[in-house]
C-alpha atoms as a PDB file:
ATOM      1  CA  MET A   1     142.053 120.484  71.761  1.00  0.00           C
ATOM      2  CA  ASN A   2     145.643 119.227  70.984  1.00  0.00           C
ATOM      3  CA  VAL A   3     146.591 119.740  74.688  1.00  0.00           C
ATOM      4  CA  LEU A   4     143.626 117.735  75.948  1.00  0.00           C
ATOM      5  CA  ARG A   5     144.385 114.847  73.498  1.00  0.00           C
ATOM      6  CA  SER A   6     147.950 114.678  74.694  1.00  0.00           C
ATOM      7  CA  ALA A   7     146.793 114.639  78.198  1.00  0.00           C
ATOM      8  CA  LEU A   8     144.256 111.916  77.559  1.00  0.00           C
ATOM      9  CA  LEU A   9     147.070 109.939  75.792  1.00  0.00           C
ATOM     10  CA  ALA A  10     149.308 110.117  78.940  1.00  0.00           C
ATOM     11  CA  ILE A  11     146.411 108.957  81.062  1.00  0.00           C
ATOM     12  CA  ALA A  12     145.744 105.942  78.694  1.00  0.00           C
ATOM     13  CA  LEU A  13     149.354 105.024  78.973  1.00  0.00           C
ATOM     14  CA  GLY A  14     149.309 105.207  82.767  1.00  0.00           C
ATOM     15  CA  ILE A  15     151.842 107.998  82.988  1.00  0.00           C
ATOM     16  CA  VAL A  16     149.976 110.248  85.532  1.00  0.00           C
ATOM     17  CA  PRO A  17     146.808 109.870  87.676  1.00  0.00           C
ATOM     18  CA  GLN A  18     143.635 111.344  86.117  1.00  0.00           C
ATOM     19  CA  TYR A  19     142.961 113.821  88.862  1.00  0.00           C
ATOM     20  CA  ALA A  20     146.534 115.332  88.619  1.00  0.00           C
ATOM     21  CA  LEU A  21     145.895 115.824  84.947  1.00  0.00           C
ATOM     22  CA  ALA A  22     142.752 117.735  85.483  1.00  0.00           C
ATOM     23  CA  GLN A  23     144.309 119.890  88.160  1.00  0.00           C
ATOM     24  CA  SER A  24     147.344 120.754  86.070  1.00  0.00           C
ATOM     25  CA  THR A  25     145.657 121.550  82.847  1.00  0.00           C
ATOM     26  CA  LEU A  26     142.253 123.018  83.730  1.00  0.00           C
ATOM     27  CA  GLY A  27     142.358 124.261  87.239  1.00  0.00           C
ATOM     28  CA  GLN A  28     143.161 127.790  86.308  1.00  0.00           C
ATOM     29  CA  GLY A  29     140.987 129.564  88.986  1.00  0.00           C
ATOM     30  CA  LEU A  30     140.785 128.897  92.704  1.00  0.00           C
ATOM     31  CA  ASP A  31     138.474 130.596  95.301  1.00  0.00           C
ATOM     32  CA  GLN A  32     139.639 131.911  98.659  1.00  0.00           C
ATOM     33  CA  SER A  33     139.304 128.456 100.206  1.00  0.00           C
ATOM     34  CA  GLY A  34     141.473 126.838  97.353  1.00  0.00           C
ATOM     35  CA  ALA A  35     138.722 125.088  95.585  1.00  0.00           C
ATOM     36  CA  PRO A  36     138.638 125.173  91.869  1.00  0.00           C
ATOM     37  CA  THR A  37     136.160 127.350  90.209  1.00  0.00           C
ATOM     38  CA  ASP A  38     135.909 125.735  86.744  1.00  0.00           C
ATOM     39  CA  LEU A  39     135.474 121.972  87.512  1.00  0.00           C
ATOM     40  CA  LEU A  40     134.785 119.753  84.549  1.00  0.00           C
ATOM     41  CA  ALA A  41     132.109 117.129  84.325  1.00  0.00           C
ATOM     42  CA  PRO A  42     133.343 113.604  84.914  1.00  0.00           C
ATOM     43  CA  LEU A  43     135.323 112.306  82.025  1.00  0.00           C
ATOM     44  CA  ALA A  44     133.758 109.688  79.687  1.00  0.00           C
ATOM     45  CA  PRO A  45     135.644 106.526  79.033  1.00  0.00           C
ATOM     46  CA  LEU A  46     137.870 106.757  75.968  1.00  0.00           C
ATOM     47  CA  GLY A  47     137.732 104.411  73.053  1.00  0.00           C
ATOM     48  CA  ALA A  48     140.658 103.270  71.044  1.00  0.00           C
ATOM     49  CA  GLN A  49     139.622 105.533  68.256  1.00  0.00           C
ATOM     50  CA  ASP A  50     140.020 108.600  70.520  1.00  0.00           C
ATOM     51  CA  LEU A  51     143.782 107.916  71.128  1.00  0.00           C
ATOM     52  CA  LEU A  52     146.164 109.622  68.884  1.00  0.00           C
ATOM     53  CA  LEU A  53     149.043 107.095  69.009  1.00  0.00           C
ATOM     54  CA  PRO A  54     151.900 107.496  66.594  1.00  0.00           C
ATOM     55  CA  ASP A  55     152.502 104.686  64.025  1.00  0.00           C
ATOM     56  CA  LEU A  56     155.462 102.961  65.516  1.00  0.00           C
ATOM     57  CA  GLY A  57     155.285 100.031  63.273  1.00  0.00           C
ATOM     58  CA  ASP A  58     157.403  97.143  64.439  1.00  0.00           C
ATOM     59  CA  THR A  59     160.018  99.227  66.096  1.00  0.00           C
ATOM     60  CA  LEU A  60     158.891  98.284  69.564  1.00  0.00           C
ATOM     61  CA  THR A  61     159.231  94.471  68.906  1.00  0.00           C
ATOM     62  CA  GLN A  62     162.392  94.414  66.779  1.00  0.00           C
ATOM     63  CA  PRO A  63     165.907  95.172  68.135  1.00  0.00           C
ATOM     64  CA  ILE A  64     167.826  98.158  66.885  1.00  0.00           C
ATOM     65  CA  PRO A  65     170.640  96.779  64.804  1.00  0.00           C
ATOM     66  CA  PHE A  66     174.194  97.311  66.437  1.00  0.00           C
ATOM     67  CA  ALA A  67     177.320  97.674  64.153  1.00  0.00           C
ATOM     68  CA  PRO A  68     180.563  97.472  66.404  1.00  0.00           C
ATOM     69  CA  ALA A  69     183.449  99.550  65.343  1.00  0.00           C
ATOM     70  CA  GLU A  70     186.378  97.619  63.597  1.00  0.00           C
ATOM     71  CA  PRO A  71     189.132  96.970  66.073  1.00  0.00           C
ATOM     72  CA  ASP A  72     192.357  98.857  65.739  1.00  0.00           C
ATOM     73  CA  ALA A  73     194.870  96.111  64.916  1.00  0.00           C
ATOM     74  CA  SER A  74     197.792  98.380  66.085  1.00  0.00           C
ATOM     75  CA  LYS A  75     196.205  98.401  69.612  1.00  0.00           C
ATOM     76  CA  LEU A  76     195.592  94.536  69.940  1.00  0.00           C
ATOM     77  CA  VAL A  77     197.706  92.885  72.522  1.00  0.00           C
ATOM     78  CA  VAL A  78     198.931  89.301  71.628  1.00  0.00           C
ATOM     79  CA  LEU A  79     199.887  87.357  74.817  1.00  0.00           C
ATOM     80  CA  GLU A  80     203.239  85.598  74.642  1.00  0.00           C
ATOM     81  CA  PHE A  81     204.584  83.029  77.012  1.00  0.00           C
ATOM     82  CA  SER A  82     208.085  81.982  78.051  1.00  0.00           C
ATOM     83  CA  VAL A  83     209.459  78.890  76.395  1.00  0.00           C
ATOM     84  CA  ILE A  84     212.811  77.589  77.940  1.00  0.00           C
ATOM     85  CA  LEU A  85     214.823  75.340  75.502  1.00  0.00           C
ATOM     86  CA  ASN A  86     217.643  73.045  76.655  1.00  0.00           C
ATOM     87  CA  ALA A  87     219.784  70.627  74.635  1.00  0.00           C
ATOM     88  CA  GLN A  88     221.642  67.487  75.939  1.00  0.00           C
ATOM     89  CA  MET A  89     224.030  65.180  73.974  1.00  0.00           C
ATOM     90  CA  THR A  90     222.268  62.135  75.547  1.00  0.00           C
ATOM     91  CA  GLY A  91     219.539  61.679  78.095  1.00  0.00           C
ATOM     92  CA  ASP A  92     222.193  60.956  80.834  1.00  0.00           C
ATOM     93  CA  THR A  93     224.523  63.847  80.148  1.00  0.00           C
ATOM     94  CA  PRO A  94     224.160  67.382  81.501  1.00  0.00           C
ATOM     95  CA  ALA A  95     222.577  70.245  79.512  1.00  0.00           C
ATOM     96  CA  ILE A  96     224.929  71.733  76.956  1.00  0.00           C
ATOM     97  CA  ALA A  97     226.226  75.045  78.226  1.00  0.00           C
ATOM     98  CA  SER A  98     226.885  76.872  74.923  1.00  0.00           C
ATOM     99  CA  GLY A  99     227.219  76.545  71.245  1.00  0.00           C
ATOM    100  CA  VAL A 100     223.812  75.466  70.406  1.00  0.00           C
ATOM    101  CA  SER A 101     221.957  77.267  67.625  1.00  0.00           C
ATOM    102  CA  TRP A 102     218.159  77.466  67.920  1.00  0.00           C
ATOM    103  CA  ARG A 103     215.551  78.129  65.279  1.00  0.00           C
ATOM    104  CA  VAL A 104     211.849  78.055  65.855  1.00  0.00           C
ATOM    105  CA  PHE A 105     209.465  77.476  62.820  1.00  0.00           C
ATOM    106  CA  GLY A 106     205.675  77.436  62.334  1.00  0.00           C
ATOM    107  CA  THR A 107     204.157  74.190  61.258  1.00  0.00           C
ATOM    108  CA  GLN A 108     202.189  75.610  58.277  1.00  0.00           C
ATOM    109  CA  PRO A 109     204.061  76.720  55.094  1.00  0.00           C
ATOM    110  CA  GLY A 110     203.742  80.194  53.812  1.00  0.00           C
ATOM    111  CA  GLU A 111     202.940  81.459  50.347  1.00  0.00           C
ATOM    112  CA  ASP A 112     206.443  80.782  49.298  1.00  0.00           C
ATOM    113  CA  GLY A 113     206.189  77.125  50.451  1.00  0.00           C
ATOM    114  CA  GLU A 114     208.669  77.624  53.319  1.00  0.00           C
ATOM    115  CA  LEU A 115     207.919  77.182  56.996  1.00  0.00           C
ATOM    116  CA  PRO A 116     207.815  80.650  58.647  1.00  0.00           C
ATOM    117  CA  LEU A 117     210.787  81.451  61.030  1.00  0.00           C
ATOM    118  CA  TYR A 118     209.441  82.796  64.326  1.00  0.00           C
ATOM    119  CA  ALA A 119     212.590  83.037  66.514  1.00  0.00           C
ATOM    120  CA  THR A 120     216.295  82.342  66.493  1.00  0.00           C
ATOM    121  CA  ALA A 121     218.704  82.112  69.413  1.00  0.00           C
ATOM    122  CA  THR A 122     222.359  80.993  70.314  1.00  0.00           C
ATOM    123  CA  GLY A 123     223.618  79.491  73.528  1.00  0.00           C
ATOM    124  CA  GLY A 124     223.011  76.611  75.783  1.00  0.00           C
ATOM    125  CA  SER A 125     219.726  77.133  77.756  1.00  0.00           C
ATOM    126  CA  VAL A 126     217.761  79.917  76.067  1.00  0.00           C
ATOM    127  CA  THR A 127     214.381  81.575  76.788  1.00  0.00           C
ATOM    128  CA  LEU A 128     212.070  82.709  74.082  1.00  0.00           C
ATOM    129  CA  SER A 129     208.604  84.531  74.143  1.00  0.00           C
ATOM    130  CA  LEU A 130     206.030  82.798  71.884  1.00  0.00           C
ATOM    131  CA  PRO A 131     202.220  83.198  71.425  1.00  0.00           C
ATOM    132  CA  ASN A 132     199.890  80.343  71.592  1.00  0.00           C
ATOM    133  CA  GLY A 133     200.376  77.889  68.552  1.00  0.00           C
ATOM    134  CA  GLU A 134     202.326  74.870  67.332  1.00  0.00           C
ATOM    135  CA  TYR A 135     205.960  75.161  66.458  1.00  0.00           C
ATOM    136  CA  LEU A 136     209.007  73.034  65.246  1.00  0.00           C
ATOM    137  CA  VAL A 137     212.110  73.631  67.282  1.00  0.00           C
ATOM    138  CA  TYR A 138     215.383  72.764  65.498  1.00  0.00           C
ATOM    139  CA  GLY A 139     218.641  72.726  67.580  1.00  0.00           C
ATOM    140  CA  SER A 140     222.178  72.273  66.040  1.00  0.00           C
ATOM    141  CA  TYR A 141     225.302  71.696  67.880  1.00  0.00           C
ATOM    142  CA  GLY A 142     228.201  71.574  65.380  1.00  0.00           C
ATOM    143  CA  ARG A 143     227.064  69.032  62.674  1.00  0.00           C
ATOM    144  CA  ALA A 144     224.693  67.351  65.025  1.00  0.00           C
ATOM    145  CA  GLY A 145     221.175  68.440  65.166  1.00  0.00           C
ATOM    146  CA  GLY A 146     217.484  67.448  66.153  1.00  0.00           C
ATOM    147  CA  THR A 147     213.927  68.657  65.877  1.00  0.00           C
ATOM    148  CA  LYS A 148     210.965  68.629  68.294  1.00  0.00           C
ATOM    149  CA  ARG A 149     207.460  69.655  68.095  1.00  0.00           C
ATOM    150  CA  LEU A 150     205.963  71.756  70.852  1.00  0.00           C
ATOM    151  CA  LYS A 151     202.602  73.435  71.596  1.00  0.00           C
ATOM    152  CA  VAL A 152     202.019  76.695  73.524  1.00  0.00           C
ATOM    153  CA  VAL A 153     198.827  76.869  75.285  1.00  0.00           C
ATOM    154  CA  ASP A 154     198.169  79.675  77.701  1.00  0.00           C
ATOM    155  CA  GLN A 155     201.248  78.938  79.944  1.00  0.00           C
ATOM    156  CA  ALA A 156     205.029  78.955  80.069  1.00  0.00           C
ATOM    157  CA  LEU A 157     206.844  75.696  79.354  1.00  0.00           C
ATOM    158  CA  SER A 158     210.320  74.106  79.284  1.00  0.00           C
ATOM    159  CA  GLU A 159     211.515  71.717  76.731  1.00  0.00           C
ATOM    160  CA  THR A 160     214.672  69.510  76.270  1.00  0.00           C
ATOM    161  CA  LEU A 161     216.117  68.302  73.026  1.00  0.00           C
ATOM    162  CA  ILE A 162     218.136  65.166  72.961  1.00  0.00           C
ATOM    163  CA  LEU A 163     220.651  65.480  70.203  1.00  0.00           C
ATOM    164  CA  ASN A 164     222.238  61.952  70.420  1.00  0.00           C
ATOM    165  CA  ALA A 165     225.646  63.520  69.497  1.00  0.00           C
ATOM    166  CA  GLY A 166     229.252  62.925  70.159  1.00  0.00           C
ATOM    167  CA  GLY A 167     232.651  64.280  69.129  1.00  0.00           C
ATOM    168  CA  LEU A 168     235.441  63.362  66.719  1.00  0.00           C
ATOM    169  CA  ARG A 169     239.013  64.715  66.806  1.00  0.00           C
ATOM    170  CA  LEU A 170     241.300  63.864  63.899  1.00  0.00           C
ATOM    171  CA  ASP A 171     245.068  63.913  63.472  1.00  0.00           C
ATOM    172  CA  ALA A 172     247.664  62.669  60.955  1.00  0.00           C
ATOM    173  CA  VAL A 173     251.271  61.518  61.150  1.00  0.00           C
ATOM    174  CA  VAL A 174     253.713  60.112  58.611  1.00  0.00           C
ATOM    175  CA  GLY A 175     256.338  57.460  59.084  1.00  0.00           C
ATOM    176  CA  ASP A 176     257.154  56.706  62.711  1.00  0.00           C
ATOM    177  CA  ASP A 177     254.641  59.070  64.243  1.00  0.00           C
ATOM    178  CA  GLN A 178     256.162  62.175  62.630  1.00  0.00           C
ATOM    179  CA  PRO A 179     253.688  64.928  62.855  1.00  0.00           C
ATOM    180  CA  ILE A 180     252.446  66.568  59.755  1.00  0.00           C
ATOM    181  CA  ASP A 181     251.969  70.418  59.549  1.00  0.00           C
ATOM    182  CA  ALA A 182     248.392  71.381  59.783  1.00  0.00           C
ATOM    183  CA  ASP A 183     248.512  73.318  56.537  1.00  0.00           C
ATOM    184  CA  GLN A 184     249.589  70.164  54.684  1.00  0.00           C
ATOM    185  CA  VAL A 185     246.680  67.912  55.818  1.00  0.00           C
ATOM    186  CA  ALA A 186     242.898  68.089  55.620  1.00  0.00           C
ATOM    187  CA  PHE A 187     240.093  65.569  56.283  1.00  0.00           C
ATOM    188  CA  GLU A 188     236.880  64.944  54.293  1.00  0.00           C
ATOM    189  CA  ILE A 189     234.093  63.505  56.262  1.00  0.00           C
ATOM    190  CA  SER A 190     231.237  61.570  54.598  1.00  0.00           C
ATOM    191  CA  GLN A 191     228.276  59.611  55.836  1.00  0.00           C
ATOM    192  CA  GLU A 192     226.192  56.870  54.055  1.00  0.00           C
ATOM    193  CA  ASP A 193     222.894  58.016  52.753  1.00  0.00           C
ATOM    194  CA  ASN A 194     219.658  56.025  52.543  1.00  0.00           C
ATOM    195  CA  PHE A 195     220.689  54.764  49.129  1.00  0.00           C
ATOM    196  CA  GLY A 196     224.040  53.277  50.188  1.00  0.00           C
ATOM    197  CA  GLY A 197     226.030  56.208  48.687  1.00  0.00           C
ATOM    198  CA  LEU A 198     228.363  58.597  50.588  1.00  0.00           C
ATOM    199  CA  THR A 199     227.319  62.207  51.209  1.00  0.00           C
ATOM    200  CA  VAL A 200     230.009  64.621  52.086  1.00  0.00           C
ATOM    201  CA  ILE A 201     229.104  66.543  55.234  1.00  0.00           C
ATOM    202  CA  MET A 202     232.447  68.376  55.800  1.00  0.00           C
ATOM    203  CA  PRO A 203     234.773  68.737  52.744  1.00  0.00           C
ATOM    204  CA  SER A 204     237.817  70.115  54.653  1.00  0.00           C
ATOM    205  CA  ALA A 205     237.988  69.509  58.306  1.00  0.00           C
ATOM    206  CA  GLN A 206     241.072  70.632  60.187  1.00  0.00           C
ATOM    207  CA  PRO A 207     243.268  68.477  62.311  1.00  0.00           C
ATOM    208  CA  ASN A 208     243.106  68.584  66.118  1.00  0.00           C
ATOM    209  CA  LYS A 209     239.685  70.255  66.102  1.00  0.00           C
ATOM    210  CA  ILE A 210     236.763  68.683  67.828  1.00  0.00           C
ATOM    211  CA  ILE A 211     233.919  68.102  65.367  1.00  0.00           C
ATOM    212  CA  ARG A 212     230.499  67.687  66.792  1.00  0.00           C
ATOM    213  CA  LEU A 213     228.635  64.975  64.895  1.00  0.00           C
ATOM    214  CA  SER A 214     225.425  62.903  65.431  1.00  0.00           C
ATOM    215  CA  ALA A 215     226.202  59.403  66.657  1.00  0.00           C
ATOM    216  CA  GLY A 216     226.965  57.009  63.784  1.00  0.00           C
ATOM    217  CA  THR A 217     229.640  55.698  61.404  1.00  0.00           C
ATOM    218  CA  TYR A 218     231.582  58.154  59.138  1.00  0.00           C
ATOM    219  CA  HIS A 219     233.942  57.680  56.226  1.00  0.00           C
ATOM    220  CA  ILE A 220     237.145  59.777  56.593  1.00  0.00           C
ATOM    221  CA  VAL A 221     239.327  60.715  53.721  1.00  0.00           C
ATOM    222  CA  SER A 222     242.739  62.128  54.876  1.00  0.00           C
ATOM    223  CA  ARG A 223     244.874  64.044  52.221  1.00  0.00           C
ATOM    224  CA  TYR A 224     248.495  64.781  52.854  1.00  0.00           C
ATOM    225  CA  GLY A 225     249.776  67.287  50.333  1.00  0.00           C
ATOM    226  CA  PHE A 226     246.655  67.239  48.252  1.00  0.00           C
ATOM    227  CA  VAL A 227     247.996  65.076  45.321  1.00  0.00           C
ATOM    228  CA  ASN A 228     247.940  61.295  45.879  1.00  0.00           C
ATOM    229  CA  ALA A 229     248.942  60.751  49.458  1.00  0.00           C
ATOM    230  CA  ILE A 230     245.488  59.742  50.567  1.00  0.00           C
ATOM    231  CA  VAL A 231     244.399  57.321  53.455  1.00  0.00           C
ATOM    232  CA  ARG A 232     240.763  56.304  53.955  1.00  0.00           C
ATOM    233  CA  ALA A 233     239.214  55.001  57.118  1.00  0.00           C
ATOM    234  CA  ASP A 234     235.870  54.421  58.857  1.00  0.00           C
ATOM    235  CA  MET A 235     235.323  55.869  62.275  1.00  0.00           C
ATOM    236  CA  GLU A 236     232.557  55.357  64.773  1.00  0.00           C
ATOM    237  CA  VAL A 237     231.207  58.286  66.809  1.00  0.00           C
ATOM    238  CA  HIS A 238     229.386  57.411  70.055  1.00  0.00           C
ATOM    239  CA  ALA A 239     226.805  59.541  71.678  1.00  0.00           C
ATOM    240  CA  GLY A 240     228.114  61.527  74.637  1.00  0.00           C
ATOM    241  CA  LYS A 241     231.757  60.573  73.920  1.00  0.00           C
ATOM    242  CA  LEU A 242     234.792  62.100  72.183  1.00  0.00           C
ATOM    243  CA  THR A 243     236.492  59.806  69.599  1.00  0.00           C
ATOM    244  CA  ASN A 244     240.176  60.609  68.984  1.00  0.00           C
ATOM    245  CA  ALA A 245     241.621  59.139  65.736  1.00  0.00           C
ATOM    246  CA  THR A 246     245.199  59.404  64.279  1.00  0.00           C
ATOM    247  CA  ILE A 247     245.655  58.482  60.623  1.00  0.00           C
ATOM    248  CA  ARG A 248     249.132  57.412  59.472  1.00  0.00           C
ATOM    249  CA  HIS A 249     250.362  58.412  56.035  1.00  0.00           C
ATOM    250  CA  LYS A 250     253.032  56.817  53.821  1.00  0.00           C
ATOM    251  CA  GLY A 251     254.427  59.709  51.780  1.00  0.00           C
ATOM    252  CA  ALA A 252     257.019  62.516  51.729  1.00  0.00           C
ATOM    253  CA  GLU A 253     257.616  65.916  50.109  1.00  0.00           C
ATOM    254  CA  ALA A 254     259.729  66.266  46.944  1.00  0.00           C
ATOM    255  CA  THR A 255     261.376  69.399  45.526  1.00  0.00           C
ATOM    256  CA  PHE A 256     262.087  69.438  41.845  1.00  0.00           C
ATOM    257  CA  LYS A 257     264.954  71.238  40.064  1.00  0.00           C
ATOM    258  CA  LEU A 258     266.248  71.205  36.528  1.00  0.00           C
ATOM    259  CA  VAL A 259     270.007  71.852  36.644  1.00  0.00           C
ATOM    260  CA  GLU A 260     272.897  71.807  34.177  1.00  0.00           C
ATOM    261  CA  HIS A 261     274.762  69.406  36.422  1.00  0.00           C
ATOM    262  CA  GLU A 262     274.119  67.605  39.710  1.00  0.00           C
ATOM    263  CA  GLY A 263     274.031  70.236  42.573  1.00  0.00           C
ATOM    264  CA  GLY A 264     273.726  73.181  40.131  1.00  0.00           C
ATOM    265  CA  GLU A 265     271.374  76.118  40.102  1.00  0.00           C
ATOM    266  CA  ALA A 266     267.879  75.428  39.152  1.00  0.00           C
ATOM    267  CA  LEU A 267     266.801  76.853  35.789  1.00  0.00           C
ATOM    268  CA  ALA A 268     263.754  79.021  35.776  1.00  0.00           C
ATOM    269  CA  ASN A 269     260.780  78.959  33.322  1.00  0.00           C
ATOM    270  CA  THR A 270     260.494  75.214  33.589  1.00  0.00           C
ATOM    271  CA  SER A 271     257.390  73.232  33.248  1.00  0.00           C
ATOM    272  CA  TRP A 272     256.906  70.026  35.276  1.00  0.00           C
ATOM    273  CA  THR A 273     254.748  66.903  34.779  1.00  0.00           C
ATOM    274  CA  ILE A 274     254.808  64.073  37.304  1.00  0.00           C
ATOM    275  CA  LEU A 275     253.897  60.649  35.802  1.00  0.00           C
ATOM    276  CA  THR A 276     252.894  57.462  37.871  1.00  0.00           C
ATOM    277  CA  GLU A 277     254.833  54.332  37.194  1.00  0.00           C
ATOM    278  CA  GLY A 278     252.241  53.349  34.682  1.00  0.00           C
ATOM    279  CA  GLY A 279     252.637  56.592  32.828  1.00  0.00           C
ATOM    280  CA  ASP A 280     249.506  58.576  34.031  1.00  0.00           C
ATOM    281  CA  THR A 281     249.794  62.283  34.526  1.00  0.00           C
ATOM    282  CA  LEU A 282     249.534  62.873  38.272  1.00  0.00           C
ATOM    283  CA  HIS A 283     250.517  66.599  38.632  1.00  0.00           C
ATOM    284  CA  GLN A 284     251.581  69.635  36.641  1.00  0.00           C
ATOM    285  CA  SER A 285     253.211  72.841  37.639  1.00  0.00           C
ATOM    286  CA  VAL A 286     255.538  75.586  36.534  1.00  0.00           C
ATOM    287  CA  GLY A 287     258.453  76.975  38.442  1.00  0.00           C
ATOM    288  CA  ALA A 288     262.044  76.625  39.363  1.00  0.00           C
ATOM    289  CA  PHE A 289     261.455  74.779  42.758  1.00  0.00           C
ATOM    290  CA  PRO A 290     258.040  73.280  42.738  1.00  0.00           C
ATOM    291  CA  LYS A 291     257.298  71.177  45.997  1.00  0.00           C
ATOM    292  CA  ILE A 292     254.674  68.557  46.204  1.00  0.00           C
ATOM    293  CA  VAL A 293     253.812  65.552  48.528  1.00  0.00           C
ATOM    294  CA  LEU A 294     253.588  62.214  46.905  1.00  0.00           C
ATOM    295  CA  ALA A 295     252.621  58.953  48.294  1.00  0.00           C
ATOM    296  CA  GLU A 296     255.273  56.070  48.626  1.00  0.00           C
ATOM    297  CA  GLY A 297     256.049  54.782  45.206  1.00  0.00           C
ATOM    298  CA  THR A 298     258.080  55.150  41.968  1.00  0.00           C
ATOM    299  CA  TYR A 299     257.418  58.243  39.521  1.00  0.00           C
ATOM    300  CA  THR A 300     258.846  59.971  36.580  1.00  0.00           C
ATOM    301  CA  ALA A 301     259.591  63.735  36.530  1.00  0.00           C
ATOM    302  CA  VAL A 302     259.400  65.341  33.150  1.00  0.00           C
ATOM    303  CA  ALA A 303     260.781  68.824  32.807  1.00  0.00           C
ATOM    304  CA  ARG A 304     260.278  71.139  29.602  1.00  0.00           C
ATOM    305  CA  HIS A 305     262.618  74.077  29.195  1.00  0.00           C
ATOM    306  CA  LYS A 306     263.159  76.109  25.945  1.00  0.00           C
ATOM    307  CA  ASP A 307     261.303  73.515  23.821  1.00  0.00           C
ATOM    308  CA  ASN A 308     263.438  70.716  25.236  1.00  0.00           C
ATOM    309  CA  THR A 309     262.091  67.822  27.365  1.00  0.00           C
ATOM    310  CA  TYR A 310     264.016  66.071  30.102  1.00  0.00           C
ATOM    311  CA  ALA A 311     263.049  63.231  32.276  1.00  0.00           C
ATOM    312  CA  ARG A 312     264.232  61.292  35.283  1.00  0.00           C
ATOM    313  CA  ASP A 313     262.750  58.382  37.459  1.00  0.00           C
ATOM    314  CA  PHE A 314     262.648  58.776  41.119  1.00  0.00           C
ATOM    315  CA  THR A 315     261.244  56.872  44.293  1.00  0.00           C
ATOM    316  CA  ILE A 316     259.388  58.212  47.247  1.00  0.00           C
ATOM    317  CA  ARG A 317     259.814  56.617  50.651  1.00  0.00           C
ATOM    318  CA  PRO A 318     257.623  57.346  53.771  1.00  0.00           C
ATOM    319  CA  ALA A 319     258.673  60.458  55.746  1.00  0.00           C
ATOM    320  CA  ILE A 320     261.865  61.044  53.737  1.00  0.00           C
ATOM    321  CA  ASN A 321     261.694  64.381  52.058  1.00  0.00           C
ATOM    322  CA  ARG A 322     263.982  64.814  49.066  1.00  0.00           C
ATOM    323  CA  ASP A 323     265.249  66.891  46.187  1.00  0.00           C
ATOM    324  CA  VAL A 324     264.693  65.473  42.661  1.00  0.00           C
ATOM    325  CA  GLU A 325     267.277  66.876  40.243  1.00  0.00           C
ATOM    326  CA  VAL A 326     266.643  66.617  36.543  1.00  0.00           C
ATOM    327  CA  ARG A 327     269.949  67.311  34.571  1.00  0.00           C
ATOM    328  CA  LEU A 328     270.291  68.539  31.047  1.00  0.00           C
ATOM    329  CA  GLN A 329     271.971  65.314  30.116  1.00  0.00           C
ATOM    330  CA  ASP A 330     268.646  63.590  30.893  1.00  0.00           C
ATOM    331  CA  LEU A 331     267.542  64.898  27.506  1.00  0.00           C
ATOM    332  CA  VAL A 332     264.502  62.993  26.091  1.00  0.00           C
ATOM    333  CA  ILE A 333     263.262  65.191  23.194  1.00  0.00           C
ATOM    334  CA  GLN A 334     265.332  67.898  21.426  1.00  0.00           C
ATOM    335  CA  THR A 335     263.894  70.445  18.939  1.00  0.00           C
ATOM    336  CA  ALA A 336     264.713  70.376  15.351  1.00  0.00           C
ATOM    337  CA  GLU A 337     266.772  73.634  15.542  1.00  0.00           C
ATOM    338  CA  ASP A 338     268.882  72.346  18.447  1.00  0.00           C
ATOM    339  CA  LYS A 339     269.574  69.141  16.539  1.00  0.00           C
ATOM    340  CA  SER A 340     270.888  71.126  13.485  1.00  0.00           C
END
């Protein structure tokens, strides 16, 4: 009976013709002519109640849910595109060949509040590989620098940063163009800020070195000898040009000695104080032969030795180095023991 019901179900679903079903399931005997020996009577029409269909519910009308596997992040390929960066001092000058430092940042701060750094490079024209996104490109050339925003979208690109920069070379002389040794002079470079004050951008620039700066006005402080021989000047730096500036000092080097008599040997273990003409302390040192550079003017040298104090006035003239001898007869204060 179960076999018959299965066959009837197949017929109802249109899977096989009805005569093929009868032949395959019931035609068990054939005579010599090949005709079946146990034919059935014609089949009666089947009603819906006679079909043994499984209860499939709504599975035939609702899709089977599909859950894709999580992608393996280690196997994902992020496309990157070539970005060529160039820098020029002005829009009319050639691309800078070397010496440019490049840094590429993202535009959104990270958890630490800082912009993420994506790439760095050094040179003139550089090529970087970056994925799609927006970036801030910062290029610095010495003390000159500039920033540009760029956007990478599915293709390579080339960007040029105009730095609006120039060069400044400083030198110093004393007297009638007498050169000053490089280890005796230094330059402090400042620039006016938004509030009218001066901000130091280079505290100790060396002479005869090209300093790359953004175009603008700079305040220069030149120190000869690092005491009071100081000259101040304002310099203008022009974009795409080199400015050469020579600062003239009025000072000289003085060597101090405490001696028993003029031209005698210097006494060791002597403390020195140099006073201005108005009596202000300008410099202090200890030694038998201290050397200092002083600006043009009149001073007092005070020497202390074995609890005695000696003093002598002297004058500095531009570019005339001299020895300043303080003698024991220049006694100013004597200890009580010596007086007795």
